[in-house]
Amino acid sequence: MRVLRGRADDPETDRAVTRDAVARVAETGDPTVRVWAPHRQVAFGRRDARREGYDRARDAAGERGYASLERSVGGRAVAYTGETTLAFARIEPVAEVRGGLDDRYERLTVDVRRALRRLGVPAERGEPDDAFCPGQHSLQRGGKLVGIAQRVQQGAATTSGVCLVDERDELADVLAAVYDALGVAFDPASVGSVAAAGGTADVATVRATIEDELVGDHEATVHEVDDDGLRET
C-alpha cells in the first residue's frame, strides 16, 4: 500500500496530489492512504455553491483568513485551520462503480474509531443536531469529531473524511459565519475536537495513529509530498 505524507505548497497543488493518487489507483490497482493537514481553508460542497448566500459565505471565510475552495466529495462546508484539522483518505481499486459502498464506509468508520480509542477518545457513532457537514457517517464525543464521505469513480473509490484535533472555538466561529451566510442551520456547540474530548492535542500523534489504522496489515511504502507535489522516494 502506498502512503502519502505531507502537503504541497498551495491548496490547488495539494488537491492535485490526491486527484493524481486516485488516477494511479485506478490504473495500477494499488491502494493508497493519505492523512494530512490541508491548508487553511473552507471547503464548500456543491450544494453550497448553488445557494444564494454562497458569495457572502466566501466573504465571511475570507474575512477570517480562510481561503475558499469547492470540493467534489462530501456535503456541506468544512473548515480546516491549516494545522490542527486533519484530512484522511483511503483510495481503493473497484471493479464496478455501484458495489461495496456500505462496506467501505463501515471499514473506514471502524478504523478511525479504533484510532480515536487508542488516543484516549471513546468516540461514538452519530453527530449532534445542526452539526457542520451533516451526514450518516460521523463520530462524536462532546461534539462532532469526524465526518466521512465517499466518492466512487471508474476504477477507484475514495473514502475520506475530516478529523478535528484542536482549535474547536476557531472552527466554530468561522463555520457559524459561513453557515449563517448560506442560510443553513448550524450550532457552534456541536463542534468537538480530539483535545476537548480528553485526547492529545499533538497533531503528529493523531495523524500517525489514524494512518496506522488505515494501513492496517498492509505493507506500507511511504512517498513524500513536497512543495511542488508528490516526490517519489
C-alpha atoms as a PDB file:
ATOM      1  CA  MET A   1       0.000   0.000   0.000  1.00  0.00           C
ATOM      2  CA  ARG A   2       1.273   3.455  -0.934  1.00  0.00           C
ATOM      3  CA  VAL A   3       1.238   6.012   1.887  1.00  0.00           C
ATOM      4  CA  LEU A   4       1.459   9.707   1.045  1.00  0.00           C
ATOM      5  CA  ARG A   5       2.805  12.090   3.699  1.00  0.00           C
ATOM      6  CA  GLY A   6       2.990  15.868   3.788  1.00  0.00           C
ATOM      7  CA  ARG A   7       1.324  18.541   1.675  1.00  0.00           C
ATOM      8  CA  ALA A   8       2.148  20.715  -1.307  1.00  0.00           C
ATOM      9  CA  ASP A   9       2.875  24.429  -1.144  1.00  0.00           C
ATOM     10  CA  ASP A  10      -0.583  25.682  -2.086  1.00  0.00           C
ATOM     11  CA  PRO A  11      -4.146  24.316  -1.884  1.00  0.00           C
ATOM     12  CA  GLU A  12      -4.608  23.663  -5.602  1.00  0.00           C
ATOM     13  CA  THR A  13      -1.332  21.777  -5.975  1.00  0.00           C
ATOM     14  CA  ASP A  14      -2.147  19.844  -2.842  1.00  0.00           C
ATOM     15  CA  ARG A  15      -5.561  18.848  -4.185  1.00  0.00           C
ATOM     16  CA  ALA A  16      -3.869  17.668  -7.369  1.00  0.00           C
ATOM     17  CA  VAL A  17      -1.786  15.228  -5.300  1.00  0.00           C
ATOM     18  CA  THR A  18      -4.945  13.418  -4.204  1.00  0.00           C
ATOM     19  CA  ARG A  19      -6.509  13.542  -7.672  1.00  0.00           C
ATOM     20  CA  ASP A  20      -3.360  12.027  -9.160  1.00  0.00           C
ATOM     21  CA  ALA A  21      -3.376   9.345  -6.463  1.00  0.00           C
ATOM     22  CA  VAL A  22      -6.929   8.381  -7.423  1.00  0.00           C
ATOM     23  CA  ALA A  23      -5.947   8.112 -11.081  1.00  0.00           C
ATOM     24  CA  ARG A  24      -2.946   5.975 -10.185  1.00  0.00           C
ATOM     25  CA  VAL A  25      -5.037   3.577  -8.093  1.00  0.00           C
ATOM     26  CA  ALA A  26      -7.494   3.198 -10.967  1.00  0.00           C
ATOM     27  CA  GLU A  27      -4.604   2.453 -13.324  1.00  0.00           C
ATOM     28  CA  THR A  28      -2.464   0.163 -11.165  1.00  0.00           C
ATOM     29  CA  GLY A  29      -4.882  -1.318  -8.634  1.00  0.00           C
ATOM     30  CA  ASP A  30      -2.533  -0.442  -5.750  1.00  0.00           C
ATOM     31  CA  PRO A  31      -4.436   1.113  -2.797  1.00  0.00           C
ATOM     32  CA  THR A  32      -3.259   4.404  -1.284  1.00  0.00           C
ATOM     33  CA  VAL A  33      -3.654   6.070   2.116  1.00  0.00           C
ATOM     34  CA  ARG A  34      -3.149   9.746   2.859  1.00  0.00           C
ATOM     35  CA  VAL A  35      -3.530  11.545   6.221  1.00  0.00           C
ATOM     36  CA  TRP A  36      -2.501  15.213   6.295  1.00  0.00           C
ATOM     37  CA  ALA A  37      -3.351  18.743   7.418  1.00  0.00           C
ATOM     38  CA  PRO A  38      -4.754  20.659   4.432  1.00  0.00           C
ATOM     39  CA  HIS A  39      -4.088  24.366   4.058  1.00  0.00           C
ATOM     40  CA  ARG A  40      -6.217  26.889   5.952  1.00  0.00           C
ATOM     41  CA  GLN A  41      -9.468  26.862   4.008  1.00  0.00           C
ATOM     42  CA  VAL A  42     -13.205  26.362   3.926  1.00  0.00           C
ATOM     43  CA  ALA A  43     -14.079  23.561   1.514  1.00  0.00           C
ATOM     44  CA  PHE A  44     -17.589  24.107   0.177  1.00  0.00           C
ATOM     45  CA  GLY A  45     -19.795  21.370  -1.221  1.00  0.00           C
ATOM     46  CA  ARG A  46     -21.674  21.562  -4.487  1.00  0.00           C
ATOM     47  CA  ARG A  47     -24.964  22.319  -2.740  1.00  0.00           C
ATOM     48  CA  ASP A  48     -23.324  25.287  -1.007  1.00  0.00           C
ATOM     49  CA  ALA A  49     -22.179  26.719  -4.325  1.00  0.00           C
ATOM     50  CA  ARG A  50     -25.765  26.746  -5.596  1.00  0.00           C
ATOM     51  CA  ARG A  51     -27.162  28.698  -2.633  1.00  0.00           C
ATOM     52  CA  GLU A  52     -27.990  32.376  -2.819  1.00  0.00           C
ATOM     53  CA  GLY A  53     -25.662  33.228   0.079  1.00  0.00           C
ATOM     54  CA  TYR A  54     -22.609  31.480  -1.363  1.00  0.00           C
ATOM     55  CA  ASP A  55     -20.712  34.668  -2.203  1.00  0.00           C
ATOM     56  CA  ARG A  56     -21.420  36.050   1.278  1.00  0.00           C
ATOM     57  CA  ALA A  57     -20.203  32.786   2.802  1.00  0.00           C
ATOM     58  CA  ARG A  58     -16.943  33.010   0.853  1.00  0.00           C
ATOM     59  CA  ASP A  59     -16.520  36.593   2.017  1.00  0.00           C
ATOM     60  CA  ALA A  60     -17.132  35.536   5.630  1.00  0.00           C
ATOM     61  CA  ALA A  61     -14.442  32.872   5.326  1.00  0.00           C
ATOM     62  CA  GLY A  62     -12.002  35.323   3.749  1.00  0.00           C
ATOM     63  CA  GLU A  63     -12.539  37.896   6.491  1.00  0.00           C
ATOM     64  CA  ARG A  64     -11.328  35.261   8.952  1.00  0.00           C
ATOM     65  CA  GLY A  65      -8.275  34.346   6.905  1.00  0.00           C
ATOM     66  CA  TYR A  66      -9.675  31.210   5.261  1.00  0.00           C
ATOM     67  CA  ALA A  67      -9.372  30.535   1.541  1.00  0.00           C
ATOM     68  CA  SER A  68     -12.487  29.173  -0.212  1.00  0.00           C
ATOM     69  CA  LEU A  69     -12.440  26.048  -2.335  1.00  0.00           C
ATOM     70  CA  GLU A  70     -15.103  23.780  -3.816  1.00  0.00           C
ATOM     71  CA  ARG A  71     -14.850  20.033  -3.448  1.00  0.00           C
ATOM     72  CA  SER A  72     -16.414  17.173  -5.358  1.00  0.00           C
ATOM     73  CA  VAL A  73     -16.907  14.810  -2.414  1.00  0.00           C
ATOM     74  CA  GLY A  74     -18.955  15.332   0.732  1.00  0.00           C
ATOM     75  CA  GLY A  75     -21.871  17.584   1.596  1.00  0.00           C
ATOM     76  CA  ARG A  76     -21.812  20.976   3.295  1.00  0.00           C
ATOM     77  CA  ALA A  77     -18.907  23.254   4.172  1.00  0.00           C
ATOM     78  CA  VAL A  78     -15.950  22.013   6.225  1.00  0.00           C
ATOM     79  CA  ALA A  79     -13.206  24.233   7.672  1.00  0.00           C
ATOM     80  CA  TYR A  80      -9.515  23.397   8.096  1.00  0.00           C
ATOM     81  CA  THR A  81      -7.295  25.532  10.331  1.00  0.00           C
ATOM     82  CA  GLY A  82      -4.161  24.665   8.349  1.00  0.00           C
ATOM     83  CA  GLU A  83      -2.523  22.876  11.274  1.00  0.00           C
ATOM     84  CA  THR A  84      -4.936  21.192  13.692  1.00  0.00           C
ATOM     85  CA  THR A  85      -7.574  19.829  11.319  1.00  0.00           C
ATOM     86  CA  LEU A  86      -6.672  16.603   9.555  1.00  0.00           C
ATOM     87  CA  ALA A  87      -7.996  15.110   6.353  1.00  0.00           C
ATOM     88  CA  PHE A  88      -7.714  11.401   5.676  1.00  0.00           C
ATOM     89  CA  ALA A  89      -8.385   9.251   2.637  1.00  0.00           C
ATOM     90  CA  ARG A  90      -8.178   5.604   1.681  1.00  0.00           C
ATOM     91  CA  ILE A  91      -8.266   5.089  -2.062  1.00  0.00           C
ATOM     92  CA  GLU A  92      -9.021   1.560  -3.254  1.00  0.00           C
ATOM     93  CA  PRO A  93      -9.454  -0.086  -6.657  1.00  0.00           C
ATOM     94  CA  VAL A  94     -13.007  -1.063  -7.618  1.00  0.00           C
ATOM     95  CA  ALA A  95     -14.246  -3.313 -10.375  1.00  0.00           C
ATOM     96  CA  GLU A  96     -17.632  -1.604 -10.602  1.00  0.00           C
ATOM     97  CA  VAL A  97     -18.999   1.747  -9.520  1.00  0.00           C
ATOM     98  CA  ARG A  98     -22.076   0.526  -7.627  1.00  0.00           C
ATOM     99  CA  GLY A  99     -20.753  -2.252  -5.388  1.00  0.00           C
ATOM    100  CA  GLY A 100     -19.140  -2.125  -1.940  1.00  0.00           C
ATOM    101  CA  LEU A 101     -20.218   1.362  -0.845  1.00  0.00           C
ATOM    102  CA  ASP A 102     -21.520   0.369   2.587  1.00  0.00           C
ATOM    103  CA  ASP A 103     -18.588  -1.954   3.245  1.00  0.00           C
ATOM    104  CA  ARG A 104     -16.046   0.798   2.560  1.00  0.00           C
ATOM    105  CA  TYR A 105     -17.916   3.213   4.814  1.00  0.00           C
ATOM    106  CA  GLU A 106     -18.062   0.661   7.601  1.00  0.00           C
ATOM    107  CA  ARG A 107     -14.403  -0.341   7.401  1.00  0.00           C
ATOM    108  CA  LEU A 108     -13.170   3.244   7.460  1.00  0.00           C
ATOM    109  CA  THR A 109     -15.506   4.189  10.310  1.00  0.00           C
ATOM    110  CA  VAL A 110     -14.275   1.241  12.361  1.00  0.00           C
ATOM    111  CA  ASP A 111     -10.633   2.075  11.637  1.00  0.00           C
ATOM    112  CA  VAL A 112     -10.920   5.758  12.560  1.00  0.00           C
ATOM    113  CA  ARG A 113     -12.942   4.949  15.663  1.00  0.00           C
ATOM    114  CA  ARG A 114     -10.233   2.493  16.713  1.00  0.00           C
ATOM    115  CA  ALA A 115      -7.592   5.173  16.191  1.00  0.00           C
ATOM    116  CA  LEU A 116      -9.509   7.592  18.409  1.00  0.00           C
ATOM    117  CA  ARG A 117      -9.804   4.986  21.143  1.00  0.00           C
ATOM    118  CA  ARG A 118      -6.053   4.479  21.000  1.00  0.00           C
ATOM    119  CA  LEU A 119      -5.762   8.241  21.517  1.00  0.00           C
ATOM    120  CA  GLY A 120      -7.967   8.103  24.610  1.00  0.00           C
ATOM    121  CA  VAL A 121     -11.222   9.222  22.985  1.00  0.00           C
ATOM    122  CA  PRO A 122     -14.089   6.675  23.104  1.00  0.00           C
ATOM    123  CA  ALA A 123     -15.954   8.232  20.200  1.00  0.00           C
ATOM    124  CA  GLU A 124     -19.481   7.136  19.366  1.00  0.00           C
ATOM    125  CA  ARG A 125     -21.224   6.909  16.030  1.00  0.00           C
ATOM    126  CA  GLY A 126     -23.500   9.764  15.048  1.00  0.00           C
ATOM    127  CA  GLU A 127     -23.391  13.518  15.459  1.00  0.00           C
ATOM    128  CA  PRO A 128     -25.151  16.308  17.380  1.00  0.00           C
ATOM    129  CA  ASP A 129     -28.066  18.201  15.869  1.00  0.00           C
ATOM    130  CA  ASP A 130     -27.188  21.043  13.489  1.00  0.00           C
ATOM    131  CA  ALA A 131     -23.590  19.879  13.065  1.00  0.00           C
ATOM    132  CA  PHE A 132     -21.280  21.022  10.256  1.00  0.00           C
ATOM    133  CA  CYS A 133     -21.465  18.947   7.077  1.00  0.00           C
ATOM    134  CA  PRO A 134     -24.215  16.682   8.457  1.00  0.00           C
ATOM    135  CA  GLY A 135     -24.129  13.071   7.306  1.00  0.00           C
ATOM    136  CA  GLN A 136     -24.791   9.469   8.227  1.00  0.00           C
ATOM    137  CA  HIS A 137     -21.153   8.568   8.818  1.00  0.00           C
ATOM    138  CA  SER A 138     -19.821  10.656  11.696  1.00  0.00           C
ATOM    139  CA  LEU A 139     -18.139  10.170  15.071  1.00  0.00           C
ATOM    140  CA  GLN A 140     -18.739  12.300  18.136  1.00  0.00           C
ATOM    141  CA  ARG A 141     -17.561  12.822  21.687  1.00  0.00           C
ATOM    142  CA  GLY A 142     -18.620  16.104  23.245  1.00  0.00           C
ATOM    143  CA  GLY A 143     -19.311  17.333  19.713  1.00  0.00           C
ATOM    144  CA  LYS A 144     -18.628  16.148  16.187  1.00  0.00           C
ATOM    145  CA  LEU A 145     -15.036  14.976  15.787  1.00  0.00           C
ATOM    146  CA  VAL A 146     -15.111  13.148  12.464  1.00  0.00           C
ATOM    147  CA  GLY A 147     -17.145  13.261   9.273  1.00  0.00           C
ATOM    148  CA  ILE A 148     -16.765  10.691   6.495  1.00  0.00           C
ATOM    149  CA  ALA A 149     -17.733  10.818   2.815  1.00  0.00           C
ATOM    150  CA  GLN A 150     -17.121   8.698  -0.258  1.00  0.00           C
ATOM    151  CA  ARG A 151     -16.681   9.193  -3.978  1.00  0.00           C
ATOM    152  CA  VAL A 152     -16.605   6.338  -6.482  1.00  0.00           C
ATOM    153  CA  GLN A 153     -15.142   6.815  -9.934  1.00  0.00           C
ATOM    154  CA  GLN A 154     -14.316   4.403 -12.692  1.00  0.00           C
ATOM    155  CA  GLY A 155     -11.657   2.103 -11.256  1.00  0.00           C
ATOM    156  CA  ALA A 156     -11.239   3.713  -7.808  1.00  0.00           C
ATOM    157  CA  ALA A 157     -13.217   4.583  -4.679  1.00  0.00           C
ATOM    158  CA  THR A 158     -12.096   7.315  -2.278  1.00  0.00           C
ATOM    159  CA  THR A 159     -13.439   7.012   1.252  1.00  0.00           C
ATOM    160  CA  SER A 160     -12.306  10.109   3.083  1.00  0.00           C
ATOM    161  CA  GLY A 161     -13.032  12.438   5.942  1.00  0.00           C
ATOM    162  CA  VAL A 162     -12.029  15.134   8.388  1.00  0.00           C
ATOM    163  CA  CYS A 163     -10.813  14.843  11.977  1.00  0.00           C
ATOM    164  CA  LEU A 164     -10.813  17.877  14.286  1.00  0.00           C
ATOM    165  CA  VAL A 165      -7.797  17.660  16.564  1.00  0.00           C
ATOM    166  CA  ASP A 166      -7.894  21.066  18.303  1.00  0.00           C
ATOM    167  CA  GLU A 167      -8.960  24.726  17.993  1.00  0.00           C
ATOM    168  CA  ARG A 168     -12.666  23.929  18.183  1.00  0.00           C
ATOM    169  CA  ASP A 169     -13.562  27.537  19.096  1.00  0.00           C
ATOM    170  CA  GLU A 170     -11.878  28.931  15.989  1.00  0.00           C
ATOM    171  CA  LEU A 171     -13.572  26.343  13.793  1.00  0.00           C
ATOM    172  CA  ALA A 172     -16.948  27.034  15.384  1.00  0.00           C
ATOM    173  CA  ASP A 173     -16.512  30.756  14.739  1.00  0.00           C
ATOM    174  CA  VAL A 174     -15.730  30.511  11.036  1.00  0.00           C
ATOM    175  CA  LEU A 175     -18.324  27.793  10.439  1.00  0.00           C
ATOM    176  CA  ALA A 176     -21.014  29.813  12.225  1.00  0.00           C
ATOM    177  CA  ALA A 177     -20.357  32.776   9.927  1.00  0.00           C
ATOM    178  CA  VAL A 178     -20.282  30.598   6.818  1.00  0.00           C
ATOM    179  CA  TYR A 179     -23.423  28.628   7.622  1.00  0.00           C
ATOM    180  CA  ASP A 180     -25.290  31.789   8.603  1.00  0.00           C
ATOM    181  CA  ALA A 181     -24.467  33.334   5.237  1.00  0.00           C
ATOM    182  CA  LEU A 182     -25.621  30.151   3.489  1.00  0.00           C
ATOM    183  CA  GLY A 183     -28.853  30.096   5.488  1.00  0.00           C
ATOM    184  CA  VAL A 184     -28.149  26.579   6.777  1.00  0.00           C
ATOM    185  CA  ALA A 185     -28.815  25.528  10.374  1.00  0.00           C
ATOM    186  CA  PHE A 186     -25.654  25.183  12.456  1.00  0.00           C
ATOM    187  CA  ASP A 187     -24.990  25.033  16.199  1.00  0.00           C
ATOM    188  CA  PRO A 188     -21.444  26.146  17.171  1.00  0.00           C
ATOM    189  CA  ALA A 189     -21.698  23.962  20.272  1.00  0.00           C
ATOM    190  CA  SER A 190     -21.872  20.909  18.006  1.00  0.00           C
ATOM    191  CA  VAL A 191     -18.176  21.283  17.121  1.00  0.00           C
ATOM    192  CA  GLY A 192     -15.890  18.949  19.033  1.00  0.00           C
ATOM    193  CA  SER A 193     -12.198  18.071  18.939  1.00  0.00           C
ATOM    194  CA  VAL A 194      -9.917  15.269  19.981  1.00  0.00           C
ATOM    195  CA  ALA A 195      -8.257  17.545  22.533  1.00  0.00           C
ATOM    196  CA  ALA A 196     -11.555  18.723  24.049  1.00  0.00           C
ATOM    197  CA  ALA A 197     -12.704  15.101  24.315  1.00  0.00           C
ATOM    198  CA  GLY A 198      -9.737  14.236  26.526  1.00  0.00           C
ATOM    199  CA  GLY A 199      -7.301  13.103  23.839  1.00  0.00           C
ATOM    200  CA  THR A 200      -3.991  14.563  22.766  1.00  0.00           C
ATOM    201  CA  ALA A 201      -3.664  17.908  21.001  1.00  0.00           C
ATOM    202  CA  ASP A 202      -0.475  16.711  19.291  1.00  0.00           C
ATOM    203  CA  VAL A 203      -1.374  16.662  15.598  1.00  0.00           C
ATOM    204  CA  ALA A 204       1.580  14.463  14.615  1.00  0.00           C
ATOM    205  CA  THR A 205       0.469  11.755  17.035  1.00  0.00           C
ATOM    206  CA  VAL A 206      -3.127  11.839  15.823  1.00  0.00           C
ATOM    207  CA  ARG A 207      -2.018  11.779  12.198  1.00  0.00           C
ATOM    208  CA  ALA A 208       0.294   8.813  12.708  1.00  0.00           C
ATOM    209  CA  THR A 209      -2.341   6.861  14.652  1.00  0.00           C
ATOM    210  CA  ILE A 210      -5.041   7.330  12.020  1.00  0.00           C
ATOM    211  CA  GLU A 211      -2.571   6.447   9.264  1.00  0.00           C
ATOM    212  CA  ASP A 212      -1.584   3.277  11.096  1.00  0.00           C
ATOM    213  CA  GLU A 213      -5.187   2.126  11.369  1.00  0.00           C
ATOM    214  CA  LEU A 214      -5.999   2.939   7.756  1.00  0.00           C
ATOM    215  CA  VAL A 215      -2.972   0.992   6.524  1.00  0.00           C
ATOM    216  CA  GLY A 216      -3.741  -1.970   8.789  1.00  0.00           C
ATOM    217  CA  ASP A 217      -1.900  -5.162   7.903  1.00  0.00           C
ATOM    218  CA  HIS A 218      -0.707  -3.916   4.526  1.00  0.00           C
ATOM    219  CA  GLU A 219       2.968  -3.351   3.910  1.00  0.00           C
ATOM    220  CA  ALA A 220       3.380   0.393   3.551  1.00  0.00           C
ATOM    221  CA  THR A 221       5.589   2.187   1.030  1.00  0.00           C
ATOM    222  CA  VAL A 222       5.945   5.834   2.044  1.00  0.00           C
ATOM    223  CA  HIS A 223       6.080   8.650  -0.526  1.00  0.00           C
ATOM    224  CA  GLU A 224       6.705  12.259   0.451  1.00  0.00           C
ATOM    225  CA  VAL A 225       4.674  15.225  -0.743  1.00  0.00           C
ATOM    226  CA  ASP A 226       6.805  18.374  -1.007  1.00  0.00           C
ATOM    227  CA  ASP A 227       6.119  21.974  -2.082  1.00  0.00           C
ATOM    228  CA  ASP A 228       5.730  21.046  -5.752  1.00  0.00           C
ATOM    229  CA  GLY A 229       3.581  17.971  -5.210  1.00  0.00           C
ATOM    230  CA  LEU A 230       4.377  14.294  -4.886  1.00  0.00           C
ATOM    231  CA  ARG A 231       8.059  13.380  -4.755  1.00  0.00           C
ATOM    232  CA  GLU A 232       8.558   9.673  -5.319  1.00  0.00           C
ATOM    233  CA  THR A 233      11.037   8.083  -2.882  1.00  0.00           C
END
